[in-house]
Amino acid sequence: MTLTYLLTAERQGHEAERWMFTLLWDDKSFTDVFTSQAPDPERLRQLVHLVRALLEEWWDTKEHNRRSAKMGRRLP
């Protein structure tokens, strides 16, 4: 499973930055959430929490970690 996000980062006094973030998801424990038409709300909440944590980690480390840098690219 590959999750791809288009993000816009806005900071006061700076031009907005557009990014594409790609997360390769190989954790099979959430297959039920991805394949269900109506996933269990608690399982979905857990998945969203994990993805958000990984996104924040990427944002904080993208300039210093090659592995993180490969997960995203700045768009024009």
Protein backbone atom coordinates (compact mmCIF):
# COMPACT_ATOMS: atom_id res chain seq x y z
CA MET A 1 0.00 0.00 0.00
CA THR A 2 1.28 3.44 -0.89
CA LEU A 3 -0.24 6.54 0.67
CA THR A 4 0.39 9.81 -1.16
CA TYR A 5 -0.46 13.23 0.22
CA LEU A 6 -0.35 16.67 -1.38
CA LEU A 7 0.42 19.22 1.31
CA THR A 8 0.58 22.98 1.51
CA ALA A 9 2.64 24.49 4.32
CA GLU A 10 1.81 28.10 5.10
CA ARG A 11 3.72 30.34 7.46
CA GLN A 12 3.01 33.97 8.16
CA GLY A 13 5.37 36.17 6.22
CA HIS A 14 6.51 33.36 3.89
CA GLU A 15 5.35 32.07 0.55
CA ALA A 16 3.34 28.83 0.77
CA GLU A 17 5.26 25.61 0.11
CA ARG A 18 3.64 22.71 -1.76
CA TRP A 19 4.88 19.18 -1.07
CA MET A 20 4.12 15.64 -2.17
CA PHE A 21 4.64 13.10 0.63
CA THR A 22 4.67 9.38 -0.13
CA LEU A 23 4.44 6.78 2.61
CA LEU A 24 5.03 3.15 1.70
CA TRP A 25 2.78 1.22 4.05
CA ASP A 26 3.84 -2.40 4.41
CA ASP A 27 2.27 -3.00 7.83
CA LYS A 28 -0.31 -5.74 7.20
CA SER A 29 -2.00 -5.20 10.57
CA PHE A 30 -4.16 -2.41 9.09
CA THR A 31 -5.31 -4.31 5.99
CA ASP A 32 -8.83 -4.44 7.43
CA VAL A 33 -8.97 -0.64 7.60
CA PHE A 34 -7.80 -0.23 4.00
CA THR A 35 -10.11 -2.88 2.56
CA SER A 36 -13.31 -2.26 4.52
CA GLN A 37 -16.03 0.00 3.16
CA ALA A 38 -16.86 0.91 6.77
CA PRO A 39 -13.76 0.36 8.94
CA ASP A 40 -14.02 0.19 12.69
CA PRO A 41 -13.82 3.82 13.92
CA GLU A 42 -11.23 3.00 16.59
CA ARG A 43 -8.97 1.17 14.12
CA LEU A 44 -9.29 4.07 11.68
CA ARG A 45 -8.41 6.52 14.46
CA GLN A 46 -5.28 4.46 15.26
CA LEU A 47 -4.21 4.46 11.61
CA VAL A 48 -4.75 8.21 11.27
CA HIS A 49 -2.73 8.78 14.45
CA LEU A 50 0.18 6.68 13.12
CA VAL A 51 0.16 8.36 9.70
CA ARG A 52 0.09 11.80 11.30
CA ALA A 53 3.04 10.90 13.56
CA LEU A 54 5.03 9.64 10.56
CA LEU A 55 4.16 12.78 8.59
CA GLU A 56 5.33 15.00 11.45
CA GLU A 57 8.54 12.97 11.79
CA TRP A 58 9.18 13.35 8.05
CA TRP A 59 8.60 17.11 8.21
CA ASP A 60 10.99 17.50 11.13
CA THR A 61 13.76 15.33 9.63
CA LYS A 62 13.48 15.82 5.85
CA GLU A 63 16.39 18.26 5.73
CA HIS A 64 18.76 16.11 7.81
CA ASN A 65 17.91 12.49 7.02
CA ARG A 66 18.31 11.01 3.54
CA ARG A 67 15.67 8.35 4.12
CA SER A 68 13.15 10.99 5.18
CA ALA A 69 14.15 13.26 2.31
CA LYS A 70 13.24 10.54 -0.21
CA MET A 71 9.68 10.39 1.15
CA GLY A 72 8.79 13.88 0.00
CA ARG A 73 9.49 16.38 -2.67
CA ARG A 74 8.76 20.05 -2.95
CA LEU A 75 6.46 21.00 -5.79
CA PRO A 76 6.72 24.18 -7.86
